[in-house]
Amino acid sequence: MTLHHFILIIHLLAATIWVGGHLTLSIVFLPSALRKKDPNIILNFERKFETLGMSSLITLVITGIWMAYDFGVTIDTWFTFSGSFEKVVSAKLLLLFLTIICALIAQFRIIPNLNEFNIKKMAVLIITVTLIGVTMLILGSTLRYGGI
């Protein structure tokens, strides 16, 4: 097994945790929290998932950049959208930045004041981050066939 293949496996495992966790939150816990207007359902999930989820996200960033370099997509070509691989890497980086913005909004604006009246704002962020994660997964899968 090559080093690149090993890094890919680690990346895929981290993506499974990150995207799977957000899908679980969106599909299983969020509907119940919205129906009951109970923010504690979301907060309890977040507390349990946060360490594993954030570790997975950090792993995704490190392994993603590593693999981008393996494909010849270096920092000099990020956001040039010049080739198929550059388009995928650049799009994924933009989506990563959007994920970080959503996380900061959630962490500093919504979660400290989360209650039954603003739970829908949190729901929007949860669904947004979930859709971003799924989109990043789909984009990554295109690299197998040469990118977009």
Protein backbone atom coordinates (compact mmCIF):
# COMPACT_ATOMS: atom_id res chain seq x y z
CA MET A 1 0.00 0.00 0.00
CA THR A 2 1.36 3.40 -0.93
CA LEU A 3 1.48 6.29 1.49
CA HIS A 4 -1.08 8.18 -0.63
CA HIS A 5 -3.52 5.26 -0.38
CA PHE A 6 -3.06 5.10 3.40
CA ILE A 7 -3.73 8.85 3.68
CA LEU A 8 -6.83 8.40 1.50
CA ILE A 9 -8.15 5.69 3.84
CA ILE A 10 -7.60 7.93 6.88
CA HIS A 11 -9.34 10.78 4.99
CA LEU A 12 -12.30 8.57 4.14
CA LEU A 13 -12.65 7.34 7.73
CA ALA A 14 -12.60 10.93 8.99
CA ALA A 15 -15.18 11.90 6.34
CA THR A 16 -17.37 9.01 7.44
CA ILE A 17 -17.33 10.31 11.01
CA TRP A 18 -17.81 13.99 10.06
CA VAL A 19 -20.55 13.54 7.46
CA GLY A 20 -22.17 10.59 9.24
CA GLY A 21 -22.34 12.53 12.49
CA HIS A 22 -23.98 15.48 10.81
CA LEU A 23 -26.40 13.28 8.90
CA THR A 24 -27.33 11.58 12.18
CA LEU A 25 -27.84 14.94 13.84
CA SER A 26 -29.92 16.24 10.92
CA ILE A 27 -32.04 13.14 10.33
CA VAL A 28 -32.42 11.61 13.79
CA PHE A 29 -31.99 14.28 16.48
CA LEU A 30 -32.92 17.58 14.83
CA PRO A 31 -36.51 16.65 13.88
CA SER A 32 -37.19 15.53 17.44
CA ALA A 33 -35.63 18.71 18.87
CA LEU A 34 -37.72 20.89 16.55
CA ARG A 35 -40.93 18.96 17.24
CA LYS A 36 -40.44 19.14 21.01
CA LYS A 37 -38.82 22.61 20.86
CA ASP A 38 -36.09 21.15 23.06
CA PRO A 39 -32.61 22.58 22.40
CA ASN A 40 -31.12 20.12 24.91
CA ILE A 41 -31.49 17.33 22.36
CA ILE A 42 -29.13 19.21 20.06
CA LEU A 43 -26.82 20.32 22.86
CA ASN A 44 -26.50 16.78 24.23
CA PHE A 45 -25.60 15.44 20.80
CA GLU A 46 -23.11 18.28 20.24
CA ARG A 47 -21.40 17.62 23.58
CA LYS A 48 -21.00 13.93 22.81
CA PHE A 49 -19.92 14.40 19.17
CA GLU A 50 -17.77 17.53 19.46
CA THR A 51 -14.41 15.95 20.32
CA LEU A 52 -14.70 13.17 17.76
CA GLY A 53 -16.23 15.49 15.15
CA MET A 54 -13.61 18.22 15.50
CA SER A 55 -10.80 15.65 15.50
CA SER A 56 -12.26 14.26 12.28
CA LEU A 57 -12.50 17.71 10.73
CA ILE A 58 -8.87 18.50 11.59
CA THR A 59 -7.85 15.12 10.16
CA LEU A 60 -9.82 15.90 6.98
CA VAL A 61 -8.02 19.22 6.55
CA ILE A 62 -4.56 17.71 7.08
CA THR A 63 -5.10 14.66 4.89
CA GLY A 64 -6.94 16.70 2.26
CA ILE A 65 -4.08 19.16 1.90
CA TRP A 66 -1.59 16.29 1.89
CA MET A 67 -3.44 14.55 -0.94
CA ALA A 68 -3.87 17.82 -2.84
CA TYR A 69 -0.08 18.20 -2.83
CA ASP A 70 0.25 14.59 -3.98
CA PHE A 71 -1.94 15.54 -6.96
CA GLY A 72 0.21 18.60 -7.66
CA VAL A 73 -2.35 21.07 -6.32
CA THR A 74 -0.16 23.27 -4.16
CA ILE A 75 -1.03 26.47 -2.34
CA ASP A 76 0.11 28.40 -5.43
CA THR A 77 -2.72 26.87 -7.47
CA TRP A 78 -5.47 27.02 -4.89
CA PHE A 79 -8.38 29.14 -6.09
CA THR A 80 -7.06 29.32 -9.65
CA PHE A 81 -9.71 26.84 -10.82
CA SER A 82 -7.32 26.16 -13.70
CA GLY A 83 -7.59 22.37 -13.91
CA SER A 84 -9.96 19.60 -12.90
CA PHE A 85 -8.16 18.81 -9.64
CA GLU A 86 -7.66 22.50 -8.82
CA LYS A 87 -11.40 23.07 -9.23
CA VAL A 88 -12.24 20.30 -6.76
CA VAL A 89 -9.62 21.34 -4.20
CA SER A 90 -10.58 25.02 -4.48
CA ALA A 91 -14.29 24.27 -4.16
CA LYS A 92 -13.65 22.07 -1.13
CA LEU A 93 -11.53 24.80 0.48
CA LEU A 94 -14.28 27.37 -0.08
CA LEU A 95 -16.79 24.97 1.47
CA LEU A 96 -14.41 24.40 4.39
CA PHE A 97 -14.29 28.15 5.00
CA LEU A 98 -18.08 28.27 4.89
CA THR A 99 -18.20 25.40 7.40
CA ILE A 100 -15.87 27.32 9.72
CA ILE A 101 -18.03 30.44 9.44
CA CYS A 102 -21.13 28.38 10.31
CA ALA A 103 -19.32 26.83 13.28
CA LEU A 104 -18.24 30.23 14.58
CA ILE A 105 -21.77 31.62 14.25
CA ALA A 106 -23.15 28.58 16.07
CA GLN A 107 -20.50 28.59 18.78
CA PHE A 108 -20.50 32.28 19.60
CA ARG A 109 -23.94 33.56 18.60
CA ILE A 110 -26.51 30.78 18.74
CA ILE A 111 -25.44 28.05 21.18
CA PRO A 112 -24.81 30.40 24.14
CA ASN A 113 -28.42 31.60 23.85
CA LEU A 114 -30.05 28.50 22.38
CA ASN A 115 -33.64 28.12 23.48
CA GLU A 116 -37.02 27.02 22.16
CA PHE A 117 -37.49 30.37 20.42
CA ASN A 118 -34.30 30.39 18.31
CA ILE A 119 -33.86 26.65 17.76
CA LYS A 120 -34.78 27.10 14.09
CA LYS A 121 -31.67 29.27 13.56
CA MET A 122 -29.58 26.38 14.85
CA ALA A 123 -31.49 24.01 12.58
CA VAL A 124 -30.55 26.12 9.56
CA LEU A 125 -26.87 25.94 10.49
CA ILE A 126 -27.03 22.20 11.15
CA ILE A 127 -28.66 21.51 7.80
CA THR A 128 -26.23 23.88 6.05
CA VAL A 129 -23.15 22.17 7.50
CA THR A 130 -24.62 18.76 6.71
CA LEU A 131 -25.27 19.71 3.08
CA ILE A 132 -21.77 21.20 2.82
CA GLY A 133 -20.29 17.96 4.16
CA VAL A 134 -22.23 15.84 1.68
CA THR A 135 -21.23 18.19 -1.15
CA MET A 136 -17.57 17.94 -0.16
CA LEU A 137 -17.86 14.15 -0.11
CA ILE A 138 -19.34 14.16 -3.62
CA LEU A 139 -16.66 16.54 -4.88
CA GLY A 140 -13.94 14.34 -3.43
CA SER A 141 -15.38 11.31 -5.18
CA THR A 142 -14.91 13.03 -8.56
CA LEU A 143 -11.13 12.94 -8.15
CA ARG A 144 -11.22 9.22 -8.85
CA TYR A 145 -12.30 10.08 -12.38
CA GLY A 146 -10.17 13.19 -12.93
CA GLY A 147 -12.07 15.88 -11.03
CA ILE A 148 -14.60 18.33 -12.45
